Amino acid sequence: MTDNTPTNATPSPQRPAPAKKKEKRPGVFQRIGKYLKDTRSEIKKVVWPSKSQIVNNTAVVIACIVVVGAFIGGLDFVFTRGLALLLSLL
């Protein structure tokens, strides 16, 4: 067992914790201004597509829409006729 006898040690003096300085937040308008400034600098970094790329990509999107629309329309037509045929048999 351990000996739990009191010793004559003096406690170390407690130093007060250094006071934390509260950081002052910038005002609302300063934050909005910083946001707009940062946004503008990021927009300048964007590599914008050329006019020919825009026209080409637009044509591809429109063609895909037409193909998918025709496919869905065809399925709708087939299912409508099939359902009508099944109902006529009853």
PDB file of N, CA and C in Angstrom:
ATOM      1  N   MET A   1       0.839  -1.162   0.000  1.00  0.00           N
ATOM      2  CA  MET A   1       0.000   0.000   0.000  1.00  0.00           C
ATOM      3  C   MET A   1       0.888   1.230   0.000  1.00  0.00           C
ATOM      4  N   THR A   2       0.303   2.302  -0.422  1.00  0.00           N
ATOM      5  CA  THR A   2       1.078   3.533  -0.482  1.00  0.00           C
ATOM      6  C   THR A   2       0.901   4.317   0.799  1.00  0.00           C
ATOM      7  N   ASP A   3       1.879   5.097   1.067  1.00  0.00           N
ATOM      8  CA  ASP A   3       1.837   5.919   2.270  1.00  0.00           C
ATOM      9  C   ASP A   3       1.159   7.237   1.934  1.00  0.00           C
ATOM     10  N   ASN A   4       0.032   7.503   2.529  1.00  0.00           N
ATOM     11  CA  ASN A   4      -0.724   8.719   2.258  1.00  0.00           C
ATOM     12  C   ASN A   4      -0.506   9.774   3.334  1.00  0.00           C
ATOM     13  N   THR A   5       0.687   9.930   3.761  1.00  0.00           N
ATOM     14  CA  THR A   5       0.952  10.934   4.779  1.00  0.00           C
ATOM     15  C   THR A   5       1.122  12.284   4.127  1.00  0.00           C
ATOM     16  N   PRO A   6       0.636  13.332   4.751  1.00  0.00           N
ATOM     17  CA  PRO A   6       0.764  14.659   4.158  1.00  0.00           C
ATOM     18  C   PRO A   6       2.215  15.109   4.152  1.00  0.00           C
ATOM     19  N   THR A   7       2.570  15.843   3.115  1.00  0.00           N
ATOM     20  CA  THR A   7       3.924  16.380   3.014  1.00  0.00           C
ATOM     21  C   THR A   7       3.872  17.870   3.241  1.00  0.00           C
ATOM     22  N   ASN A   8       4.995  18.464   3.421  1.00  0.00           N
ATOM     23  CA  ASN A   8       5.059  19.892   3.677  1.00  0.00           C
ATOM     24  C   ASN A   8       5.311  20.668   2.390  1.00  0.00           C
ATOM     25  N   ALA A   9       4.809  20.204   1.294  1.00  0.00           N
ATOM     26  CA  ALA A   9       5.012  20.893   0.014  1.00  0.00           C
ATOM     27  C   ALA A   9       4.118  22.122  -0.042  1.00  0.00           C
ATOM     28  N   THR A  10       4.668  23.184  -0.580  1.00  0.00           N
ATOM     29  CA  THR A  10       3.873  24.403  -0.720  1.00  0.00           C
ATOM     30  C   THR A  10       3.230  24.408  -2.099  1.00  0.00           C
ATOM     31  N   PRO A  11       1.985  24.763  -2.164  1.00  0.00           N
ATOM     32  CA  PRO A  11       1.320  24.785  -3.478  1.00  0.00           C
ATOM     33  C   PRO A  11       1.898  25.894  -4.340  1.00  0.00           C
ATOM     34  N   SER A  12       1.960  25.626  -5.627  1.00  0.00           N
ATOM     35  CA  SER A  12       2.486  26.639  -6.549  1.00  0.00           C
ATOM     36  C   SER A  12       1.474  27.771  -6.664  1.00  0.00           C
ATOM     37  N   PRO A  13       1.964  28.981  -6.763  1.00  0.00           N
ATOM     38  CA  PRO A  13       1.021  30.107  -6.855  1.00  0.00           C
ATOM     39  C   PRO A  13       0.250  30.041  -8.178  1.00  0.00           C
ATOM     40  N   GLN A  14      -1.013  30.310  -8.084  1.00  0.00           N
ATOM     41  CA  GLN A  14      -1.870  30.268  -9.272  1.00  0.00           C
ATOM     42  C   GLN A  14      -1.726  31.567 -10.044  1.00  0.00           C
ATOM     43  N   ARG A  15      -1.388  31.435 -11.324  1.00  0.00           N
ATOM     44  CA  ARG A  15      -1.316  32.621 -12.175  1.00  0.00           C
ATOM     45  C   ARG A  15      -2.663  32.799 -12.857  1.00  0.00           C
ATOM     46  N   PRO A  16      -3.112  33.999 -12.930  1.00  0.00           N
ATOM     47  CA  PRO A  16      -4.393  34.195 -13.633  1.00  0.00           C
ATOM     48  C   PRO A  16      -4.202  33.914 -15.124  1.00  0.00           C
ATOM     49  N   ALA A  17      -5.209  33.324 -15.704  1.00  0.00           N
ATOM     50  CA  ALA A  17      -5.154  33.021 -17.133  1.00  0.00           C
ATOM     51  C   ALA A  17      -5.140  34.328 -17.911  1.00  0.00           C
ATOM     52  N   PRO A  18      -4.348  34.378 -18.964  1.00  0.00           N
ATOM     53  CA  PRO A  18      -4.321  35.625 -19.742  1.00  0.00           C
ATOM     54  C   PRO A  18      -5.696  35.897 -20.347  1.00  0.00           C
ATOM     55  N   ALA A  19      -6.086  37.122 -20.272  1.00  0.00           N
ATOM     56  CA  ALA A  19      -7.405  37.503 -20.782  1.00  0.00           C
ATOM     57  C   ALA A  19      -7.406  37.400 -22.305  1.00  0.00           C
ATOM     58  N   LYS A  20      -8.406  36.732 -22.837  1.00  0.00           N
ATOM     59  CA  LYS A  20      -8.522  36.603 -24.290  1.00  0.00           C
ATOM     60  C   LYS A  20      -9.148  37.873 -24.840  1.00  0.00           C
ATOM     61  N   LYS A  21      -8.497  38.384 -25.851  1.00  0.00           N
ATOM     62  CA  LYS A  21      -9.067  39.571 -26.485  1.00  0.00           C
ATOM     63  C   LYS A  21     -10.160  39.117 -27.435  1.00  0.00           C
ATOM     64  N   LYS A  22     -11.281  39.733 -27.315  1.00  0.00           N
ATOM     65  CA  LYS A  22     -12.406  39.388 -28.172  1.00  0.00           C
ATOM     66  C   LYS A  22     -12.189  40.039 -29.528  1.00  0.00           C
ATOM     67  N   GLU A  23     -12.158  39.177 -30.564  1.00  0.00           N
ATOM     68  CA  GLU A  23     -11.956  39.708 -31.904  1.00  0.00           C
ATOM     69  C   GLU A  23     -13.221  40.415 -32.362  1.00  0.00           C
ATOM     70  N   LYS A  24     -13.034  41.594 -32.877  1.00  0.00           N
ATOM     71  CA  LYS A  24     -14.182  42.366 -33.333  1.00  0.00           C
ATOM     72  C   LYS A  24     -14.520  41.929 -34.754  1.00  0.00           C
ATOM     73  N   ARG A  25     -15.751  41.544 -34.954  1.00  0.00           N
ATOM     74  CA  ARG A  25     -16.223  41.136 -36.274  1.00  0.00           C
ATOM     75  C   ARG A  25     -16.420  42.353 -37.143  1.00  0.00           C
ATOM     76  N   PRO A  26     -16.080  42.222 -38.429  1.00  0.00           N
ATOM     77  CA  PRO A  26     -16.356  43.352 -39.319  1.00  0.00           C
ATOM     78  C   PRO A  26     -17.861  43.562 -39.452  1.00  0.00           C
ATOM     79  N   GLY A  27     -18.235  44.757 -39.832  1.00  0.00           N
ATOM     80  CA  GLY A  27     -19.646  45.085 -39.965  1.00  0.00           C
ATOM     81  C   GLY A  27     -20.304  44.341 -41.115  1.00  0.00           C
ATOM     82  N   VAL A  28     -21.610  44.413 -41.156  1.00  0.00           N
ATOM     83  CA  VAL A  28     -22.388  43.715 -42.172  1.00  0.00           C
ATOM     84  C   VAL A  28     -22.004  44.191 -43.568  1.00  0.00           C
ATOM     85  N   PHE A  29     -21.893  45.490 -43.750  1.00  0.00           N
ATOM     86  CA  PHE A  29     -21.592  46.020 -45.074  1.00  0.00           C
ATOM     87  C   PHE A  29     -20.170  45.670 -45.500  1.00  0.00           C
ATOM     88  N   GLN A  30     -19.251  45.587 -44.552  1.00  0.00           N
ATOM     89  CA  GLN A  30     -17.891  45.177 -44.886  1.00  0.00           C
ATOM     90  C   GLN A  30     -17.863  43.720 -45.324  1.00  0.00           C
ATOM     91  N   ARG A  31     -18.642  42.880 -44.655  1.00  0.00           N
ATOM     92  CA  ARG A  31     -18.696  41.465 -45.045  1.00  0.00           C
ATOM     93  C   ARG A  31     -19.341  41.299 -46.411  1.00  0.00           C
ATOM     94  N   ILE A  32     -20.403  42.054 -46.683  1.00  0.00           N
ATOM     95  CA  ILE A  32     -21.048  41.991 -47.998  1.00  0.00           C
ATOM     96  C   ILE A  32     -20.075  42.454 -49.069  1.00  0.00           C
ATOM     97  N   GLY A  33     -19.352  43.543 -48.803  1.00  0.00           N
ATOM     98  CA  GLY A  33     -18.374  44.043 -49.761  1.00  0.00           C
ATOM     99  C   GLY A  33     -17.280  43.029 -50.031  1.00  0.00           C
ATOM    100  N   LYS A  34     -16.799  42.359 -48.981  1.00  0.00           N
ATOM    101  CA  LYS A  34     -15.765  41.336 -49.156  1.00  0.00           C
ATOM    102  C   LYS A  34     -16.305  40.172 -49.974  1.00  0.00           C
ATOM    103  N   TYR A  35     -17.540  39.767 -49.704  1.00  0.00           N
ATOM    104  CA  TYR A  35     -18.154  38.675 -50.454  1.00  0.00           C
ATOM    105  C   TYR A  35     -18.239  39.023 -51.937  1.00  0.00           C
ATOM    106  N   LEU A  36     -18.716  40.227 -52.243  1.00  0.00           N
ATOM    107  CA  LEU A  36     -18.843  40.635 -53.640  1.00  0.00           C
ATOM    108  C   LEU A  36     -17.479  40.732 -54.318  1.00  0.00           C
ATOM    109  N   LYS A  37     -16.497  41.226 -53.607  1.00  0.00           N
ATOM    110  CA  LYS A  37     -15.144  41.335 -54.155  1.00  0.00           C
ATOM    111  C   LYS A  37     -14.572  39.944 -54.442  1.00  0.00           C
ATOM    112  N   ASP A  38     -14.745  39.016 -53.503  1.00  0.00           N
ATOM    113  CA  ASP A  38     -14.260  37.651 -53.699  1.00  0.00           C
ATOM    114  C   ASP A  38     -14.991  36.961 -54.841  1.00  0.00           C
ATOM    115  N   THR A  39     -16.299  37.195 -54.939  1.00  0.00           N
ATOM    116  CA  THR A  39     -17.081  36.592 -56.014  1.00  0.00           C
ATOM    117  C   THR A  39     -16.612  37.103 -57.366  1.00  0.00           C
ATOM    118  N   ARG A  40     -16.371  38.385 -57.446  1.00  0.00           N
ATOM    119  CA  ARG A  40     -15.912  38.972 -58.710  1.00  0.00           C
ATOM    120  C   ARG A  40     -14.555  38.400 -59.114  1.00  0.00           C
ATOM    121  N   SER A  41     -13.661  38.223 -58.160  1.00  0.00           N
ATOM    122  CA  SER A  41     -12.349  37.666 -58.497  1.00  0.00           C
ATOM    123  C   SER A  41     -12.461  36.209 -58.940  1.00  0.00           C
ATOM    124  N   GLU A  42     -13.398  35.453 -58.373  1.00  0.00           N
ATOM    125  CA  GLU A  42     -13.594  34.064 -58.795  1.00  0.00           C
ATOM    126  C   GLU A  42     -14.215  33.992 -60.187  1.00  0.00           C
ATOM    127  N   ILE A  43     -15.140  34.904 -60.493  1.00  0.00           N
ATOM    128  CA  ILE A  43     -15.763  34.931 -61.817  1.00  0.00           C
ATOM    129  C   ILE A  43     -14.717  35.207 -62.888  1.00  0.00           C
ATOM    130  N   LYS A  44     -13.724  36.021 -62.573  1.00  0.00           N
ATOM    131  CA  LYS A  44     -12.668  36.323 -63.541  1.00  0.00           C
ATOM    132  C   LYS A  44     -11.822  35.093 -63.861  1.00  0.00           C
ATOM    133  N   LYS A  45     -11.790  34.121 -62.954  1.00  0.00           N
ATOM    134  CA  LYS A  45     -10.992  32.910 -63.158  1.00  0.00           C
ATOM    135  C   LYS A  45     -11.694  31.881 -64.044  1.00  0.00           C
ATOM    136  N   VAL A  46     -12.983  32.046 -64.275  1.00  0.00           N
ATOM    137  CA  VAL A  46     -13.761  31.079 -65.042  1.00  0.00           C
ATOM    138  C   VAL A  46     -13.339  31.125 -66.506  1.00  0.00           C
ATOM    139  N   VAL A  47     -13.182  29.935 -67.099  1.00  0.00           N
ATOM    140  CA  VAL A  47     -12.881  29.849 -68.525  1.00  0.00           C
ATOM    141  C   VAL A  47     -14.219  29.659 -69.234  1.00  0.00           C
ATOM    142  N   TRP A  48     -14.662  30.697 -69.924  1.00  0.00           N
ATOM    143  CA  TRP A  48     -15.959  30.675 -70.571  1.00  0.00           C
ATOM    144  C   TRP A  48     -15.853  29.986 -71.926  1.00  0.00           C
ATOM    145  N   PRO A  49     -16.894  29.241 -72.345  1.00  0.00           N
ATOM    146  CA  PRO A  49     -16.853  28.557 -73.641  1.00  0.00           C
ATOM    147  C   PRO A  49     -16.989  29.556 -74.789  1.00  0.00           C
ATOM    148  N   SER A  50     -16.486  29.125 -75.946  1.00  0.00           N
ATOM    149  CA  SER A  50     -16.599  29.978 -77.129  1.00  0.00           C
ATOM    150  C   SER A  50     -18.018  29.885 -77.687  1.00  0.00           C
ATOM    151  N   LYS A  51     -18.320  30.774 -78.634  1.00  0.00           N
ATOM    152  CA  LYS A  51     -19.663  30.790 -79.219  1.00  0.00           C
ATOM    153  C   LYS A  51     -19.941  29.485 -79.947  1.00  0.00           C
ATOM    154  N   SER A  52     -18.941  28.946 -80.649  1.00  0.00           N
ATOM    155  CA  SER A  52     -19.155  27.693 -81.390  1.00  0.00           C
ATOM    156  C   SER A  52     -19.414  26.528 -80.430  1.00  0.00           C
ATOM    157  N   GLN A  53     -18.749  26.513 -79.272  1.00  0.00           N
ATOM    158  CA  GLN A  53     -19.004  25.465 -78.288  1.00  0.00           C
ATOM    159  C   GLN A  53     -20.420  25.575 -77.729  1.00  0.00           C
ATOM    160  N   ILE A  54     -20.871  26.791 -77.504  1.00  0.00           N
ATOM    161  CA  ILE A  54     -22.227  26.992 -76.984  1.00  0.00           C
ATOM    162  C   ILE A  54     -23.258  26.506 -77.991  1.00  0.00           C
ATOM    163  N   VAL A  55     -23.064  26.871 -79.267  1.00  0.00           N
ATOM    164  CA  VAL A  55     -24.007  26.456 -80.312  1.00  0.00           C
ATOM    165  C   VAL A  55     -24.002  24.939 -80.437  1.00  0.00           C
ATOM    166  N   ASN A  56     -22.813  24.329 -80.424  1.00  0.00           N
ATOM    167  CA  ASN A  56     -22.708  22.876 -80.557  1.00  0.00           C
ATOM    168  C   ASN A  56     -23.378  22.168 -79.379  1.00  0.00           C
ATOM    169  N   ASN A  57     -23.092  22.607 -78.167  1.00  0.00           N
ATOM    170  CA  ASN A  57     -23.689  21.976 -76.986  1.00  0.00           C
ATOM    171  C   ASN A  57     -25.205  22.163 -76.946  1.00  0.00           C
ATOM    172  N   THR A  58     -25.680  23.322 -77.379  1.00  0.00           N
ATOM    173  CA  THR A  58     -27.120  23.564 -77.427  1.00  0.00           C
ATOM    174  C   THR A  58     -27.788  22.620 -78.417  1.00  0.00           C
ATOM    175  N   ALA A  59     -27.158  22.421 -79.575  1.00  0.00           N
ATOM    176  CA  ALA A  59     -27.710  21.506 -80.580  1.00  0.00           C
ATOM    177  C   ALA A  59     -27.762  20.080 -80.041  1.00  0.00           C
ATOM    178  N   VAL A  60     -26.731  19.664 -79.329  1.00  0.00           N
ATOM    179  CA  VAL A  60     -26.708  18.313 -78.754  1.00  0.00           C
ATOM    180  C   VAL A  60     -27.829  18.154 -77.732  1.00  0.00           C
ATOM    181  N   VAL A  61     -28.027  19.141 -76.893  1.00  0.00           N
ATOM    182  CA  VAL A  61     -29.078  19.069 -75.870  1.00  0.00           C
ATOM    183  C   VAL A  61     -30.455  19.003 -76.518  1.00  0.00           C
ATOM    184  N   ILE A  62     -30.695  19.835 -77.528  1.00  0.00           N
ATOM    185  CA  ILE A  62     -31.999  19.831 -78.207  1.00  0.00           C
ATOM    186  C   ILE A  62     -32.232  18.497 -78.899  1.00  0.00           C
ATOM    187  N   ALA A  63     -31.196  17.942 -79.541  1.00  0.00           N
ATOM    188  CA  ALA A  63     -31.337  16.643 -80.205  1.00  0.00           C
ATOM    189  C   ALA A  63     -31.664  15.553 -79.189  1.00  0.00           C
ATOM    190  N   CYS A  64     -30.995  15.568 -78.048  1.00  0.00           N
ATOM    191  CA  CYS A  64     -31.277  14.569 -77.009  1.00  0.00           C
ATOM    192  C   CYS A  64     -32.706  14.698 -76.492  1.00  0.00           C
ATOM    193  N   ILE A  65     -33.167  15.917 -76.330  1.00  0.00           N
ATOM    194  CA  ILE A  65     -34.538  16.133 -75.862  1.00  0.00           C
ATOM    195  C   ILE A  65     -35.538  15.577 -76.867  1.00  0.00           C
ATOM    196  N   VAL A  66     -35.285  15.809 -78.156  1.00  0.00           N
ATOM    197  CA  VAL A  66     -36.192  15.309 -79.196  1.00  0.00           C
ATOM    198  C   VAL A  66     -36.203  13.783 -79.200  1.00  0.00           C
ATOM    199  N   VAL A  67     -35.019  13.157 -79.115  1.00  0.00           N
ATOM    200  CA  VAL A  67     -34.938  11.688 -79.146  1.00  0.00           C
ATOM    201  C   VAL A  67     -35.642  11.084 -77.934  1.00  0.00           C
ATOM    202  N   VAL A  68     -35.355  11.593 -76.751  1.00  0.00           N
ATOM    203  CA  VAL A  68     -35.979  11.053 -75.540  1.00  0.00           C
ATOM    204  C   VAL A  68     -37.485  11.310 -75.555  1.00  0.00           C
ATOM    205  N   GLY A  69     -37.894  12.481 -76.017  1.00  0.00           N
ATOM    206  CA  GLY A  69     -39.326  12.778 -76.109  1.00  0.00           C
ATOM    207  C   GLY A  69     -40.037  11.842 -77.067  1.00  0.00           C
ATOM    208  N   ALA A  70     -39.402  11.556 -78.218  1.00  0.00           N
ATOM    209  CA  ALA A  70     -40.001  10.622 -79.182  1.00  0.00           C
ATOM    210  C   ALA A  70     -40.090   9.221 -78.590  1.00  0.00           C
ATOM    211  N   PHE A  71     -39.054   8.810 -77.863  1.00  0.00           N
ATOM    212  CA  PHE A  71     -39.057   7.487 -77.246  1.00  0.00           C
ATOM    213  C   PHE A  71     -40.174   7.369 -76.218  1.00  0.00           C
ATOM    214  N   ILE A  72     -40.299   8.350 -75.360  1.00  0.00           N
ATOM    215  CA  ILE A  72     -41.354   8.322 -74.337  1.00  0.00           C
ATOM    216  C   ILE A  72     -42.729   8.403 -74.993  1.00  0.00           C
ATOM    217  N   GLY A  73     -42.853   9.228 -76.033  1.00  0.00           N
ATOM    218  CA  GLY A  73     -44.125   9.303 -76.757  1.00  0.00           C
ATOM    219  C   GLY A  73     -44.482   7.973 -77.404  1.00  0.00           C
ATOM    220  N   GLY A  74     -43.480   7.287 -77.967  1.00  0.00           N
ATOM    221  CA  GLY A  74     -43.713   5.967 -78.559  1.00  0.00           C
ATOM    222  C   GLY A  74     -44.165   4.956 -77.521  1.00  0.00           C
ATOM    223  N   LEU A  75     -43.497   4.956 -76.365  1.00  0.00           N
ATOM    224  CA  LEU A  75     -43.911   4.045 -75.295  1.00  0.00           C
ATOM    225  C   LEU A  75     -45.333   4.354 -74.834  1.00  0.00           C
ATOM    226  N   ASP A  76     -45.658   5.613 -74.721  1.00  0.00           N
ATOM    227  CA  ASP A  76     -47.002   6.012 -74.314  1.00  0.00           C
ATOM    228  C   ASP A  76     -48.033   5.511 -75.321  1.00  0.00           C
ATOM    229  N   PHE A  77     -47.725   5.666 -76.608  1.00  0.00           N
ATOM    230  CA  PHE A  77     -48.636   5.209 -77.658  1.00  0.00           C
ATOM    231  C   PHE A  77     -48.836   3.696 -77.581  1.00  0.00           C
ATOM    232  N   VAL A  78     -47.725   2.946 -77.431  1.00  0.00           N
ATOM    233  CA  VAL A  78     -47.812   1.478 -77.379  1.00  0.00           C
ATOM    234  C   VAL A  78     -48.608   1.034 -76.157  1.00  0.00           C
ATOM    235  N   PHE A  79     -48.330   1.612 -75.001  1.00  0.00           N
ATOM    236  CA  PHE A  79     -49.049   1.206 -73.796  1.00  0.00           C
ATOM    237  C   PHE A  79     -50.525   1.594 -73.861  1.00  0.00           C
ATOM    238  N   THR A  80     -50.834   2.734 -74.457  1.00  0.00           N
ATOM    239  CA  THR A  80     -52.233   3.150 -74.590  1.00  0.00           C
ATOM    240  C   THR A  80     -52.991   2.181 -75.487  1.00  0.00           C
ATOM    241  N   ARG A  81     -52.380   1.847 -76.626  1.00  0.00           N
ATOM    242  CA  ARG A  81     -53.037   0.894 -77.542  1.00  0.00           C
ATOM    243  C   ARG A  81     -53.145  -0.490 -76.910  1.00  0.00           C
ATOM    244  N   GLY A  82     -52.100  -0.905 -76.199  1.00  0.00           N
ATOM    245  CA  GLY A  82     -52.133  -2.217 -75.546  1.00  0.00           C
ATOM    246  C   GLY A  82     -53.210  -2.286 -74.485  1.00  0.00           C
ATOM    247  N   LEU A  83     -53.350  -1.238 -73.703  1.00  0.00           N
ATOM    248  CA  LEU A  83     -54.383  -1.207 -72.672  1.00  0.00           C
ATOM    249  C   LEU A  83     -55.775  -1.193 -73.309  1.00  0.00           C
ATOM    250  N   ALA A  84     -55.924  -0.438 -74.388  1.00  0.00           N
ATOM    251  CA  ALA A  84     -57.221  -0.403 -75.079  1.00  0.00           C
ATOM    252  C   ALA A  84     -57.563  -1.785 -75.635  1.00  0.00           C
ATOM    253  N   LEU A  85     -56.551  -2.484 -76.157  1.00  0.00           N
ATOM    254  CA  LEU A  85     -56.779  -3.832 -76.694  1.00  0.00           C
ATOM    255  C   LEU A  85     -57.174  -4.790 -75.574  1.00  0.00           C
ATOM    256  N   LEU A  86     -56.494  -4.712 -74.438  1.00  0.00           N
ATOM    257  CA  LEU A  86     -56.834  -5.583 -73.311  1.00  0.00           C
ATOM    258  C   LEU A  86     -58.243  -5.297 -72.789  1.00  0.00           C
ATOM    259  N   LEU A  87     -58.615  -4.032 -72.728  1.00  0.00           N
ATOM    260  CA  LEU A  87     -59.950  -3.695 -72.238  1.00  0.00           C
ATOM    261  C   LEU A  87     -61.035  -4.122 -73.223  1.00  0.00           C
ATOM    262  N   SER A  88     -60.722  -4.142 -74.514  1.00  0.00           N
ATOM    263  CA  SER A  88     -61.729  -4.561 -75.501  1.00  0.00           C
ATOM    264  C   SER A  88     -61.956  -6.070 -75.445  1.00  0.00           C
ATOM    265  N   LEU A  89     -60.973  -6.820 -74.936  1.00  0.00           N
ATOM    266  CA  LEU A  89     -61.128  -8.269 -74.831  1.00  0.00           C
ATOM    267  C   LEU A  89     -62.019  -8.654 -73.660  1.00  0.00           C
ATOM    268  N   LEU A  90     -62.152  -7.784 -72.707  1.00  0.00           N
ATOM    269  CA  LEU A  90     -62.979  -8.099 -71.536  1.00  0.00           C
ATOM    270  C   LEU A  90     -64.389  -7.884 -71.845  1.00  0.00           C
TER     271      LEU A  90
END
